[in-house]
C-alpha cells in the first residue's frame, strides 16, 4: 500500500518559534522539514553580497535566474553551492528579509520550489503564507503566535547563542517592523488560514508547543504519533 503524503503547514509572525517547533515535529514524525524562511534569507544574503539594494525589486530579481537553494537534512542551507547557514542569520539579513519576501517574482520562484518538495514526500513546512498560499490543501494548518515581547526575548537569546551582537531593544524593533511589513504586503500577506488551528506559545516551553502541534496532527489526520 502506497504511503500517504501528508503536509503540515506552520505559519506565524517572526520569532514565534516556528522553526524550532517545526524541526522537532518533523523529526518525531519522520517527515522532511522545510524552512522557507531560510530560503528567503538566502536570497536576501545573495542580494546584499552582490552589493544590490534589497528594497529594490528591479535589482533583486536579477539574481533569480539559475539560483539554486538546497536545504540539507542536517539543517545546512546552500545557495548556489555556498554554505550560507550562519550568515543568513546575521542582523543585516534579518533586517532586510521582509522586503525581499514581499517581492512577488521572488515569492513565486521560491513557492514553485516549495510545492515541488511537498509533492514528493511528507513535509513540515513553516513560514508566513504556507497554509494560505503555498500549500492551501495541507491536511494540517497551524498558526503559531506569541507576544512581541516574548518573541523579542527568544530571538535575542538565539542571537547571543550564535554570537550575534544585538540589543534586546533593537531585536524588538526589528520584530515589530517585520510584523508590519509581513502583514501589509500586497501579495500573500501574513494571516491565518480560515481552517488553521491557533496555538499561542507565549507561555509554553518548546516541548509543550511541540506536543500541541502533534496533537493537532493526530486529530486532523488520525496518524499515530511515534513514541518520543
N, C-alpha and C. Protein backbone atom coordinates (compact mmCIF):
# COMPACT_ATOMS: atom_id res chain seq x y z
N UNK A 1 0.84 -1.19 0.00
CA UNK A 1 0.00 0.00 0.00
C UNK A 1 0.89 1.25 0.00
N UNK A 2 0.55 2.19 -0.88
CA UNK A 2 1.37 3.39 -1.00
C UNK A 2 1.20 4.27 0.22
N UNK A 3 2.33 4.79 0.72
CA UNK A 3 2.29 5.64 1.91
C UNK A 3 1.66 6.98 1.56
N UNK A 4 0.74 7.43 2.43
CA UNK A 4 0.06 8.69 2.19
C UNK A 4 1.01 9.86 2.45
N UNK A 5 1.01 10.83 1.54
CA UNK A 5 1.83 12.03 1.72
C UNK A 5 1.03 13.06 2.51
N UNK A 6 1.62 13.53 3.61
CA UNK A 6 0.94 14.48 4.49
C UNK A 6 1.76 15.76 4.55
N UNK A 7 1.06 16.90 4.48
CA UNK A 7 1.72 18.20 4.62
C UNK A 7 1.24 18.89 5.89
N UNK A 8 2.19 19.35 6.69
CA UNK A 8 1.89 20.12 7.90
C UNK A 8 2.41 21.53 7.67
N UNK A 9 1.51 22.51 7.68
CA UNK A 9 1.88 23.91 7.45
C UNK A 9 1.84 24.66 8.78
N UNK A 10 2.95 25.30 9.12
CA UNK A 10 3.01 26.09 10.36
C UNK A 10 3.35 27.53 9.98
N UNK A 11 2.38 28.42 10.18
CA UNK A 11 2.56 29.84 9.87
C UNK A 11 2.60 30.66 11.15
N UNK A 12 3.03 31.90 11.01
CA UNK A 12 3.06 32.78 12.16
C UNK A 12 4.07 33.89 11.97
N UNK A 13 4.05 34.88 12.86
CA UNK A 13 4.96 36.02 12.73
C UNK A 13 6.40 35.68 13.05
N UNK A 14 7.28 36.63 12.80
CA UNK A 14 8.72 36.46 13.04
C UNK A 14 9.00 36.10 14.49
N UNK A 15 9.93 35.18 14.69
CA UNK A 15 10.44 34.80 16.02
C UNK A 15 9.37 34.19 16.93
N UNK A 16 8.35 33.57 16.32
CA UNK A 16 7.32 32.89 17.12
C UNK A 16 7.76 31.48 17.51
N UNK A 17 8.95 31.09 17.09
CA UNK A 17 9.47 29.76 17.42
C UNK A 17 9.03 28.69 16.45
N UNK A 18 8.54 29.11 15.27
CA UNK A 18 8.02 28.15 14.30
C UNK A 18 9.07 27.14 13.87
N UNK A 19 10.26 27.64 13.53
CA UNK A 19 11.30 26.75 13.01
C UNK A 19 11.73 25.72 14.03
N UNK A 20 11.90 26.16 15.28
CA UNK A 20 12.30 25.24 16.36
C UNK A 20 11.27 24.13 16.53
N UNK A 21 10.00 24.52 16.58
CA UNK A 21 8.91 23.57 16.77
C UNK A 21 8.77 22.68 15.53
N UNK A 22 8.78 23.28 14.35
CA UNK A 22 8.61 22.52 13.11
C UNK A 22 9.69 21.46 12.94
N UNK A 23 10.92 21.83 13.28
CA UNK A 23 12.06 20.91 13.17
C UNK A 23 11.84 19.68 14.03
N UNK A 24 11.42 19.90 15.28
CA UNK A 24 11.22 18.80 16.23
C UNK A 24 10.03 17.94 15.81
N UNK A 25 8.96 18.58 15.35
CA UNK A 25 7.77 17.84 14.91
C UNK A 25 8.13 16.94 13.72
N UNK A 26 8.88 17.50 12.77
CA UNK A 26 9.29 16.72 11.60
C UNK A 26 10.15 15.52 12.01
N UNK A 27 11.04 15.75 12.95
CA UNK A 27 11.92 14.68 13.42
C UNK A 27 11.12 13.55 14.05
N UNK A 28 10.14 13.90 14.88
CA UNK A 28 9.32 12.89 15.57
C UNK A 28 8.46 12.11 14.57
N UNK A 29 7.91 12.82 13.59
CA UNK A 29 7.02 12.18 12.62
C UNK A 29 7.78 11.46 11.50
N UNK A 30 9.08 11.76 11.37
CA UNK A 30 9.85 11.19 10.26
C UNK A 30 9.55 11.88 8.95
N UNK A 31 9.08 13.15 9.04
CA UNK A 31 8.80 13.95 7.85
C UNK A 31 10.03 14.80 7.52
N UNK A 32 10.03 15.41 6.35
CA UNK A 32 11.11 16.32 5.96
C UNK A 32 10.74 17.74 6.40
N UNK A 33 11.68 18.41 7.06
CA UNK A 33 11.45 19.79 7.50
C UNK A 33 11.92 20.76 6.42
N UNK A 34 11.05 21.70 6.05
CA UNK A 34 11.40 22.70 5.04
C UNK A 34 11.28 24.09 5.65
N UNK A 35 12.41 24.73 5.82
CA UNK A 35 12.48 26.07 6.42
C UNK A 35 12.40 27.10 5.29
N UNK A 36 11.18 27.57 5.01
CA UNK A 36 11.01 28.52 3.90
C UNK A 36 11.67 29.85 4.22
N UNK A 37 11.70 30.21 5.50
CA UNK A 37 12.34 31.47 5.89
C UNK A 37 13.80 31.48 5.50
N UNK A 38 14.46 30.33 5.65
CA UNK A 38 15.87 30.23 5.29
C UNK A 38 16.06 30.48 3.79
N UNK A 39 15.07 30.08 3.00
CA UNK A 39 15.17 30.27 1.55
C UNK A 39 15.13 31.77 1.21
N UNK A 40 14.21 32.51 1.87
CA UNK A 40 14.14 33.95 1.63
C UNK A 40 15.38 34.66 2.17
N UNK A 41 15.90 34.15 3.28
CA UNK A 41 17.13 34.72 3.84
C UNK A 41 18.31 34.49 2.89
N UNK A 42 18.33 33.32 2.25
CA UNK A 42 19.41 33.02 1.31
C UNK A 42 19.40 33.99 0.14
N UNK A 43 18.21 34.28 -0.37
CA UNK A 43 18.10 35.25 -1.47
C UNK A 43 18.54 36.63 -0.98
N UNK A 44 18.10 37.01 0.22
CA UNK A 44 18.46 38.32 0.79
C UNK A 44 19.97 38.45 0.91
N UNK A 45 20.61 37.41 1.42
CA UNK A 45 22.07 37.43 1.56
C UNK A 45 22.74 37.56 0.20
N UNK A 46 22.23 36.83 -0.78
CA UNK A 46 22.82 36.87 -2.12
C UNK A 46 22.73 38.28 -2.71
N UNK A 47 21.58 38.93 -2.49
CA UNK A 47 21.37 40.29 -3.00
C UNK A 47 22.36 41.26 -2.35
N UNK A 48 22.46 41.17 -1.01
CA UNK A 48 23.35 42.08 -0.28
C UNK A 48 24.81 41.81 -0.65
N UNK A 49 25.16 40.54 -0.77
CA UNK A 49 26.55 40.17 -1.10
C UNK A 49 26.98 40.70 -2.46
N UNK A 50 26.01 40.86 -3.37
CA UNK A 50 26.30 41.38 -4.70
C UNK A 50 26.32 42.92 -4.73
N UNK A 51 26.03 43.52 -3.56
CA UNK A 51 26.02 44.98 -3.49
C UNK A 51 24.75 45.59 -4.05
N UNK A 52 23.70 44.78 -4.16
CA UNK A 52 22.42 45.28 -4.67
C UNK A 52 21.54 45.76 -3.51
N UNK A 53 20.49 46.50 -3.84
CA UNK A 53 19.59 47.06 -2.83
C UNK A 53 18.45 46.07 -2.56
N UNK A 54 18.36 45.49 -1.35
CA UNK A 54 17.30 44.51 -1.07
C UNK A 54 15.90 45.11 -1.02
N UNK A 55 15.81 46.45 -1.09
CA UNK A 55 14.50 47.09 -1.14
C UNK A 55 14.07 47.34 -2.59
N UNK A 56 14.99 47.08 -3.52
CA UNK A 56 14.70 47.30 -4.94
C UNK A 56 14.36 45.98 -5.62
N UNK A 57 13.11 45.84 -6.04
CA UNK A 57 12.70 44.61 -6.73
C UNK A 57 13.44 44.49 -8.06
N UNK A 58 13.59 45.60 -8.74
CA UNK A 58 14.25 45.60 -10.05
C UNK A 58 15.67 45.02 -9.95
N UNK A 59 16.40 45.41 -8.89
CA UNK A 59 17.75 44.90 -8.71
C UNK A 59 17.75 43.45 -8.19
N UNK A 60 16.89 43.18 -7.22
CA UNK A 60 16.93 41.88 -6.54
C UNK A 60 16.57 40.72 -7.45
N UNK A 61 15.58 40.91 -8.32
CA UNK A 61 15.13 39.79 -9.17
C UNK A 61 16.16 39.39 -10.21
N UNK A 62 17.17 40.24 -10.43
CA UNK A 62 18.19 39.89 -11.43
C UNK A 62 18.99 38.66 -11.02
N UNK A 63 18.96 38.31 -9.72
CA UNK A 63 19.72 37.15 -9.25
C UNK A 63 18.93 35.84 -9.34
N UNK A 64 17.63 35.92 -9.64
CA UNK A 64 16.80 34.71 -9.64
C UNK A 64 17.18 33.67 -10.69
N UNK A 65 17.44 34.06 -11.94
CA UNK A 65 17.75 33.04 -12.96
C UNK A 65 18.95 32.19 -12.55
N UNK A 66 18.74 30.90 -12.51
CA UNK A 66 19.84 29.99 -12.19
C UNK A 66 20.14 29.82 -10.72
N UNK A 67 19.44 30.56 -9.85
CA UNK A 67 19.70 30.43 -8.42
C UNK A 67 19.22 29.07 -7.91
N UNK A 68 20.07 28.37 -7.18
CA UNK A 68 19.71 27.07 -6.61
C UNK A 68 19.86 27.13 -5.09
N UNK A 69 18.76 26.90 -4.38
CA UNK A 69 18.79 26.86 -2.92
C UNK A 69 18.55 25.43 -2.49
N UNK A 70 19.46 24.91 -1.70
CA UNK A 70 19.41 23.50 -1.29
C UNK A 70 19.33 23.41 0.23
N UNK A 71 18.26 22.85 0.74
CA UNK A 71 18.09 22.66 2.19
C UNK A 71 18.51 21.23 2.53
N UNK A 72 19.58 21.09 3.29
CA UNK A 72 20.10 19.78 3.64
C UNK A 72 19.38 19.21 4.87
N UNK A 73 19.36 17.86 4.94
CA UNK A 73 18.69 17.19 6.07
C UNK A 73 19.32 17.56 7.41
N UNK A 74 20.62 17.91 7.39
CA UNK A 74 21.30 18.25 8.64
C UNK A 74 21.12 19.72 9.03
N UNK A 75 20.28 20.44 8.27
CA UNK A 75 19.98 21.83 8.61
C UNK A 75 20.81 22.87 7.87
N UNK A 76 21.81 22.42 7.11
CA UNK A 76 22.62 23.38 6.36
C UNK A 76 21.83 23.96 5.19
N UNK A 77 22.12 25.23 4.89
CA UNK A 77 21.48 25.91 3.77
C UNK A 77 22.57 26.28 2.76
N UNK A 78 22.40 25.79 1.53
CA UNK A 78 23.35 26.11 0.47
C UNK A 78 22.67 27.00 -0.56
N UNK A 79 23.38 28.01 -1.00
CA UNK A 79 22.87 28.88 -2.06
C UNK A 79 23.91 28.89 -3.17
N UNK A 80 23.54 28.34 -4.31
CA UNK A 80 24.48 28.19 -5.42
C UNK A 80 25.77 27.50 -4.98
N UNK A 81 25.60 26.48 -4.13
CA UNK A 81 26.74 25.69 -3.68
C UNK A 81 27.48 26.23 -2.47
N UNK A 82 27.18 27.48 -2.07
CA UNK A 82 27.87 28.09 -0.93
C UNK A 82 27.08 27.82 0.36
N UNK A 83 27.78 27.41 1.42
CA UNK A 83 27.13 27.19 2.71
C UNK A 83 26.87 28.55 3.37
N UNK A 84 25.59 28.93 3.44
CA UNK A 84 25.22 30.24 3.99
C UNK A 84 24.46 30.10 5.31
N UNK A 85 24.53 28.92 5.92
CA UNK A 85 23.74 28.61 7.11
C UNK A 85 23.84 29.67 8.20
N UNK A 86 25.05 30.10 8.50
CA UNK A 86 25.24 31.05 9.61
C UNK A 86 25.02 32.49 9.17
N UNK A 87 25.54 32.86 8.02
CA UNK A 87 25.49 34.26 7.60
C UNK A 87 24.06 34.75 7.36
N UNK A 88 23.14 33.84 7.00
CA UNK A 88 21.76 34.28 6.74
C UNK A 88 21.02 34.65 8.03
N UNK A 89 21.62 34.39 9.20
CA UNK A 89 21.01 34.75 10.48
C UNK A 89 21.57 36.06 11.03
N UNK A 90 22.50 36.68 10.30
CA UNK A 90 23.09 37.94 10.74
C UNK A 90 22.05 39.06 10.71
N UNK A 91 22.21 40.10 11.58
CA UNK A 91 21.24 41.20 11.65
C UNK A 91 20.97 41.90 10.32
N UNK A 92 22.00 42.02 9.47
CA UNK A 92 21.80 42.70 8.19
C UNK A 92 20.80 41.95 7.31
N UNK A 93 20.86 40.63 7.34
CA UNK A 93 19.89 39.82 6.59
C UNK A 93 18.52 39.88 7.27
N UNK A 94 18.50 39.73 8.60
CA UNK A 94 17.23 39.76 9.34
C UNK A 94 16.48 41.06 9.11
N UNK A 95 17.21 42.17 9.03
CA UNK A 95 16.57 43.47 8.87
C UNK A 95 16.05 43.73 7.47
N UNK A 96 16.44 42.90 6.49
CA UNK A 96 16.04 43.15 5.11
C UNK A 96 15.21 42.03 4.47
N UNK A 97 15.12 40.88 5.16
CA UNK A 97 14.47 39.72 4.53
C UNK A 97 12.99 39.97 4.23
N UNK A 98 12.31 40.77 5.05
CA UNK A 98 10.89 41.00 4.79
C UNK A 98 10.66 41.79 3.50
N UNK A 99 11.62 42.65 3.13
CA UNK A 99 11.49 43.39 1.86
C UNK A 99 11.60 42.42 0.68
N UNK A 100 12.57 41.51 0.77
CA UNK A 100 12.76 40.51 -0.28
C UNK A 100 11.53 39.59 -0.36
N UNK A 101 11.02 39.18 0.81
CA UNK A 101 9.89 38.25 0.85
C UNK A 101 8.60 38.88 0.33
N UNK A 102 8.55 40.21 0.28
CA UNK A 102 7.35 40.90 -0.21
C UNK A 102 7.33 41.01 -1.73
N UNK A 103 8.43 40.64 -2.38
CA UNK A 103 8.52 40.80 -3.84
C UNK A 103 7.89 39.61 -4.55
N UNK A 104 6.86 39.88 -5.34
CA UNK A 104 6.08 38.81 -5.96
C UNK A 104 6.91 37.87 -6.83
N UNK A 105 7.80 38.36 -7.70
CA UNK A 105 8.58 37.42 -8.54
C UNK A 105 9.43 36.46 -7.70
N UNK A 106 9.96 36.96 -6.58
CA UNK A 106 10.78 36.10 -5.73
C UNK A 106 9.91 35.08 -5.01
N UNK A 107 8.76 35.52 -4.52
CA UNK A 107 7.85 34.59 -3.84
C UNK A 107 7.41 33.48 -4.81
N UNK A 108 7.07 33.87 -6.02
CA UNK A 108 6.60 32.87 -7.00
C UNK A 108 7.68 31.83 -7.29
N UNK A 109 8.92 32.29 -7.43
CA UNK A 109 10.02 31.37 -7.74
C UNK A 109 10.25 30.39 -6.59
N UNK A 110 10.25 30.91 -5.35
CA UNK A 110 10.50 30.04 -4.20
C UNK A 110 9.31 29.15 -3.89
N UNK A 111 8.11 29.65 -4.12
CA UNK A 111 6.91 28.83 -3.90
C UNK A 111 6.91 27.63 -4.83
N UNK A 112 7.34 27.81 -6.06
CA UNK A 112 7.44 26.69 -7.00
C UNK A 112 8.37 25.61 -6.42
N UNK A 113 9.51 26.04 -5.87
CA UNK A 113 10.45 25.09 -5.27
C UNK A 113 9.80 24.37 -4.08
N UNK A 114 9.10 25.14 -3.24
CA UNK A 114 8.50 24.58 -2.03
C UNK A 114 7.39 23.58 -2.36
N UNK A 115 6.56 23.92 -3.32
CA UNK A 115 5.48 23.00 -3.71
C UNK A 115 6.03 21.70 -4.30
N UNK A 116 7.10 21.83 -5.07
CA UNK A 116 7.73 20.65 -5.67
C UNK A 116 8.24 19.71 -4.58
N UNK A 117 8.80 20.28 -3.51
CA UNK A 117 9.29 19.47 -2.39
C UNK A 117 8.14 18.71 -1.72
N UNK A 118 7.01 19.39 -1.53
CA UNK A 118 5.87 18.80 -0.82
C UNK A 118 5.12 17.77 -1.64
N UNK A 119 5.32 17.77 -2.95
CA UNK A 119 4.65 16.78 -3.80
C UNK A 119 5.29 15.40 -3.67
N UNK A 120 6.57 15.38 -3.33
CA UNK A 120 7.31 14.13 -3.33
C UNK A 120 7.28 13.38 -2.01
N UNK A 121 7.11 14.11 -0.89
CA UNK A 121 7.21 13.45 0.41
C UNK A 121 6.45 14.23 1.47
N UNK A 122 6.20 13.57 2.61
CA UNK A 122 5.53 14.24 3.73
C UNK A 122 6.47 15.30 4.31
N UNK A 123 5.91 16.49 4.54
CA UNK A 123 6.74 17.61 4.98
C UNK A 123 6.10 18.35 6.15
N UNK A 124 6.97 18.99 6.92
CA UNK A 124 6.54 20.04 7.85
C UNK A 124 7.18 21.30 7.32
N UNK A 125 6.36 22.26 6.92
CA UNK A 125 6.86 23.48 6.29
C UNK A 125 6.40 24.68 7.10
N UNK A 126 7.33 25.57 7.44
CA UNK A 126 6.92 26.75 8.20
C UNK A 126 7.25 28.02 7.44
N UNK A 127 6.46 29.06 7.69
CA UNK A 127 6.66 30.32 7.00
C UNK A 127 5.59 31.32 7.39
N UNK A 128 5.22 32.17 6.42
CA UNK A 128 4.20 33.20 6.66
C UNK A 128 2.89 32.91 5.92
N UNK A 129 3.00 32.20 4.78
CA UNK A 129 1.81 32.02 3.94
C UNK A 129 1.70 30.57 3.45
N UNK A 130 2.16 29.64 4.27
CA UNK A 130 2.16 28.23 3.82
C UNK A 130 0.72 27.72 3.71
N UNK A 131 -0.06 27.89 4.76
CA UNK A 131 -1.44 27.38 4.76
C UNK A 131 -2.38 28.16 3.86
N UNK A 132 -2.09 29.45 3.66
CA UNK A 132 -2.98 30.29 2.85
C UNK A 132 -2.63 30.25 1.37
N UNK A 133 -1.34 30.09 1.05
CA UNK A 133 -0.94 30.22 -0.35
C UNK A 133 -0.06 29.09 -0.88
N UNK A 134 0.99 28.75 -0.16
CA UNK A 134 1.94 27.76 -0.68
C UNK A 134 1.32 26.38 -0.74
N UNK A 135 0.74 25.93 0.38
CA UNK A 135 0.11 24.60 0.45
C UNK A 135 -1.33 24.75 0.96
N UNK A 136 -2.22 25.34 0.16
CA UNK A 136 -3.59 25.57 0.63
C UNK A 136 -4.36 24.28 0.91
N UNK A 137 -3.88 23.15 0.37
CA UNK A 137 -4.54 21.87 0.61
C UNK A 137 -3.85 21.03 1.68
N UNK A 138 -2.96 21.64 2.44
CA UNK A 138 -2.29 20.91 3.53
C UNK A 138 -3.33 20.34 4.48
N UNK A 139 -3.10 19.08 4.90
CA UNK A 139 -4.06 18.43 5.81
C UNK A 139 -4.04 19.06 7.20
N UNK A 140 -2.89 19.62 7.58
CA UNK A 140 -2.75 20.22 8.91
C UNK A 140 -2.23 21.64 8.76
N UNK A 141 -2.97 22.61 9.35
CA UNK A 141 -2.53 24.01 9.30
C UNK A 141 -2.52 24.57 10.71
N UNK A 142 -1.35 25.09 11.10
CA UNK A 142 -1.17 25.67 12.42
C UNK A 142 -0.83 27.14 12.25
N UNK A 143 -1.41 28.00 13.10
CA UNK A 143 -1.00 29.40 13.13
C UNK A 143 -0.41 29.64 14.52
N UNK A 144 0.92 29.74 14.57
CA UNK A 144 1.64 29.81 15.84
C UNK A 144 2.00 31.25 16.17
N UNK A 145 1.55 31.72 17.34
CA UNK A 145 1.82 33.10 17.72
C UNK A 145 2.47 33.16 19.10
N UNK A 146 2.95 34.34 19.44
CA UNK A 146 3.45 34.66 20.78
C UNK A 146 3.50 36.18 20.84
N UNK A 147 3.52 36.73 22.05
CA UNK A 147 3.56 38.19 22.19
C UNK A 147 4.85 38.74 21.60
N UNK A 148 4.82 40.01 21.21
CA UNK A 148 6.02 40.65 20.66
C UNK A 148 7.17 40.58 21.66
N UNK A 149 6.86 40.84 22.93
CA UNK A 149 7.90 40.83 23.96
C UNK A 149 8.54 39.46 24.08
N UNK A 150 7.71 38.42 24.11
CA UNK A 150 8.21 37.05 24.20
C UNK A 150 9.08 36.71 23.00
N UNK A 151 8.60 37.08 21.81
CA UNK A 151 9.34 36.77 20.60
C UNK A 151 10.68 37.50 20.54
N UNK A 152 10.68 38.76 21.01
CA UNK A 152 11.93 39.53 21.02
C UNK A 152 12.97 38.89 21.94
N UNK A 153 12.54 38.46 23.12
CA UNK A 153 13.46 37.82 24.06
C UNK A 153 14.01 36.53 23.47
N UNK A 154 13.14 35.73 22.86
CA UNK A 154 13.58 34.46 22.25
C UNK A 154 14.62 34.71 21.17
N UNK A 155 14.36 35.67 20.28
CA UNK A 155 15.28 35.95 19.19
C UNK A 155 16.59 36.52 19.73
N UNK A 156 16.50 37.37 20.75
CA UNK A 156 17.69 37.96 21.36
C UNK A 156 18.58 36.87 21.96
N UNK A 157 17.95 35.92 22.66
CA UNK A 157 18.72 34.82 23.27
C UNK A 157 19.33 33.92 22.20
N UNK A 158 18.58 33.70 21.11
CA UNK A 158 19.12 32.92 19.98
C UNK A 158 20.36 33.61 19.42
N UNK A 159 20.27 34.94 19.26
CA UNK A 159 21.40 35.70 18.71
C UNK A 159 22.63 35.58 19.61
N UNK A 160 22.40 35.66 20.93
CA UNK A 160 23.52 35.54 21.86
C UNK A 160 24.20 34.18 21.73
N UNK A 161 23.38 33.13 21.62
CA UNK A 161 23.91 31.77 21.47
C UNK A 161 24.75 31.63 20.20
N UNK A 162 24.34 32.35 19.16
CA UNK A 162 25.03 32.26 17.87
C UNK A 162 26.18 33.27 17.76
N UNK A 163 26.39 34.04 18.84
CA UNK A 163 27.48 35.01 18.80
C UNK A 163 27.15 36.25 18.00
N UNK A 164 25.84 36.49 17.77
CA UNK A 164 25.42 37.68 17.03
C UNK A 164 25.14 38.81 18.03
N UNK A 165 25.83 39.92 17.86
CA UNK A 165 25.77 41.01 18.83
C UNK A 165 24.62 41.97 18.51
N UNK A 166 23.56 41.93 19.32
CA UNK A 166 22.43 42.85 19.15
C UNK A 166 21.93 43.25 20.54
N UNK A 167 21.10 44.30 20.59
CA UNK A 167 20.45 44.65 21.86
C UNK A 167 19.01 44.16 21.82
N UNK A 168 18.43 43.94 22.99
CA UNK A 168 17.04 43.47 23.07
C UNK A 168 16.10 44.49 22.42
N UNK A 169 16.39 45.77 22.63
CA UNK A 169 15.54 46.83 22.05
C UNK A 169 15.59 46.79 20.52
N UNK A 170 16.79 46.60 19.97
CA UNK A 170 16.91 46.51 18.50
C UNK A 170 16.15 45.31 17.95
N UNK A 171 16.24 44.19 18.66
CA UNK A 171 15.54 42.97 18.22
C UNK A 171 14.03 43.19 18.27
N UNK A 172 13.55 43.82 19.35
CA UNK A 172 12.10 44.07 19.46
C UNK A 172 11.63 45.00 18.35
N UNK A 173 12.41 46.02 18.04
CA UNK A 173 12.05 46.94 16.95
C UNK A 173 12.02 46.20 15.61
N UNK A 174 12.98 45.30 15.43
CA UNK A 174 13.05 44.52 14.19
C UNK A 174 11.83 43.60 14.06
N UNK A 175 11.43 42.97 15.18
CA UNK A 175 10.27 42.07 15.17
C UNK A 175 9.01 42.85 14.82
N UNK A 176 8.83 44.02 15.44
CA UNK A 176 7.64 44.84 15.16
C UNK A 176 7.63 45.29 13.70
N UNK A 177 8.80 45.68 13.18
CA UNK A 177 8.90 46.13 11.80
C UNK A 177 8.57 45.01 10.83
N UNK A 178 9.08 43.79 11.13
CA UNK A 178 8.81 42.65 10.25
C UNK A 178 7.33 42.27 10.30
N UNK A 179 6.72 42.37 11.48
CA UNK A 179 5.28 42.09 11.60
C UNK A 179 4.49 43.01 10.67
N UNK A 180 4.85 44.29 10.69
CA UNK A 180 4.12 45.27 9.87
C UNK A 180 4.30 44.98 8.38
N UNK A 181 5.55 44.76 7.96
CA UNK A 181 5.81 44.50 6.53
C UNK A 181 5.13 43.21 6.08
N UNK A 182 5.27 42.15 6.89
CA UNK A 182 4.72 40.84 6.52
C UNK A 182 3.20 40.86 6.43
N UNK A 183 2.56 41.62 7.34
CA UNK A 183 1.09 41.64 7.40
C UNK A 183 0.48 42.57 6.36
N UNK A 184 1.26 43.54 5.89
CA UNK A 184 0.71 44.56 4.99
C UNK A 184 1.18 44.45 3.54
N UNK A 185 1.99 43.42 3.24
CA UNK A 185 2.43 43.29 1.84
C UNK A 185 1.23 42.94 0.96
N UNK A 186 1.33 43.36 -0.29
CA UNK A 186 0.19 43.19 -1.20
C UNK A 186 -0.04 41.74 -1.60
N UNK A 187 1.05 40.97 -1.75
CA UNK A 187 0.94 39.61 -2.26
C UNK A 187 1.19 38.60 -1.15
N UNK A 188 0.22 37.70 -0.92
CA UNK A 188 0.33 36.62 0.08
C UNK A 188 0.80 37.14 1.44
N UNK A 189 0.02 38.05 2.05
CA UNK A 189 0.43 38.59 3.36
C UNK A 189 0.31 37.56 4.48
N UNK A 190 0.94 37.88 5.60
CA UNK A 190 0.85 37.04 6.79
C UNK A 190 -0.55 37.12 7.37
N UNK A 191 -1.24 35.99 7.42
CA UNK A 191 -2.55 35.92 8.07
C UNK A 191 -2.90 34.44 8.27
N UNK A 192 -3.73 34.14 9.28
CA UNK A 192 -4.08 32.73 9.49
C UNK A 192 -5.03 32.22 8.41
N UNK A 193 -4.83 30.98 7.98
CA UNK A 193 -5.79 30.34 7.07
C UNK A 193 -7.09 30.13 7.85
N UNK A 194 -8.25 30.22 7.19
CA UNK A 194 -9.52 30.05 7.90
C UNK A 194 -9.62 28.70 8.62
N UNK A 195 -8.97 27.67 8.09
CA UNK A 195 -9.06 26.34 8.69
C UNK A 195 -7.82 25.99 9.52
N UNK A 196 -7.07 27.02 9.94
CA UNK A 196 -5.88 26.75 10.76
C UNK A 196 -6.26 26.68 12.25
N UNK A 197 -5.41 26.02 13.01
CA UNK A 197 -5.58 25.92 14.46
C UNK A 197 -4.59 26.88 15.11
N UNK A 198 -5.10 27.79 15.94
CA UNK A 198 -4.26 28.79 16.60
C UNK A 198 -3.58 28.19 17.83
N UNK A 199 -2.25 28.36 17.91
CA UNK A 199 -1.51 27.93 19.09
C UNK A 199 -0.68 29.11 19.59
N UNK A 200 -0.99 29.59 20.79
CA UNK A 200 -0.24 30.70 21.40
C UNK A 200 0.84 30.11 22.30
N UNK A 201 2.09 30.33 21.93
CA UNK A 201 3.20 29.71 22.66
C UNK A 201 3.87 30.67 23.65
N UNK A 202 3.22 31.82 23.92
CA UNK A 202 3.82 32.83 24.80
C UNK A 202 4.29 32.24 26.13
N UNK A 203 3.48 31.32 26.68
CA UNK A 203 3.81 30.76 27.99
C UNK A 203 4.07 29.25 27.91
N UNK A 204 4.47 28.80 26.72
CA UNK A 204 4.77 27.38 26.53
C UNK A 204 6.27 27.17 26.40
N UNK A 205 6.73 26.02 26.87
CA UNK A 205 8.10 25.61 26.56
C UNK A 205 8.09 25.06 25.14
N UNK A 206 9.28 24.84 24.59
CA UNK A 206 9.36 24.26 23.24
C UNK A 206 8.67 22.90 23.21
N UNK A 207 8.93 22.06 24.22
CA UNK A 207 8.32 20.72 24.26
C UNK A 207 6.81 20.78 24.33
N UNK A 208 6.28 21.75 25.08
CA UNK A 208 4.82 21.90 25.17
C UNK A 208 4.23 22.32 23.82
N UNK A 209 4.93 23.22 23.13
CA UNK A 209 4.47 23.66 21.81
C UNK A 209 4.50 22.50 20.81
N UNK A 210 5.56 21.68 20.89
CA UNK A 210 5.67 20.51 20.01
C UNK A 210 4.52 19.55 20.26
N UNK A 211 4.22 19.29 21.52
CA UNK A 211 3.11 18.39 21.87
C UNK A 211 1.78 18.93 21.37
N UNK A 212 1.60 20.24 21.46
CA UNK A 212 0.35 20.86 20.99
C UNK A 212 0.19 20.67 19.48
N UNK A 213 1.28 20.82 18.74
CA UNK A 213 1.22 20.63 17.29
C UNK A 213 0.98 19.16 16.95
N UNK A 214 1.66 18.25 17.65
CA UNK A 214 1.49 16.82 17.38
C UNK A 214 0.04 16.38 17.64
N UNK A 215 -0.58 16.97 18.65
CA UNK A 215 -1.99 16.63 18.94
C UNK A 215 -2.88 17.05 17.77
N UNK A 216 -2.62 18.22 17.21
CA UNK A 216 -3.41 18.68 16.06
C UNK A 216 -3.18 17.76 14.86
N UNK A 217 -1.92 17.36 14.65
CA UNK A 217 -1.61 16.44 13.54
C UNK A 217 -2.41 15.14 13.69
N UNK A 218 -2.42 14.60 14.91
CA UNK A 218 -3.16 13.36 15.16
C UNK A 218 -4.66 13.57 14.95
N UNK A 219 -5.18 14.67 15.49
CA UNK A 219 -6.63 14.96 15.38
C UNK A 219 -7.07 15.14 13.93
N UNK A 220 -6.21 15.76 13.12
CA UNK A 220 -6.58 16.07 11.74
C UNK A 220 -6.37 14.90 10.78
N UNK A 221 -5.36 14.06 11.05
CA UNK A 221 -5.00 13.01 10.08
C UNK A 221 -5.27 11.59 10.59
N UNK A 222 -5.36 11.46 11.92
CA UNK A 222 -5.56 10.13 12.50
C UNK A 222 -4.29 9.30 12.61
N UNK A 223 -3.15 9.85 12.13
CA UNK A 223 -1.92 9.05 12.22
C UNK A 223 -1.46 8.93 13.67
N UNK A 224 -0.86 7.81 13.97
CA UNK A 224 -0.35 7.59 15.32
C UNK A 224 0.97 8.32 15.48
N UNK A 225 1.11 9.03 16.59
CA UNK A 225 2.35 9.75 16.85
C UNK A 225 3.36 8.79 17.47
N UNK A 226 4.55 8.66 16.87
CA UNK A 226 5.55 7.74 17.42
C UNK A 226 5.96 8.14 18.83
N UNK A 227 6.37 7.15 19.62
CA UNK A 227 6.87 7.43 20.96
C UNK A 227 8.14 8.29 20.83
N UNK A 228 8.26 9.26 21.73
CA UNK A 228 9.42 10.15 21.66
C UNK A 228 9.79 10.65 23.06
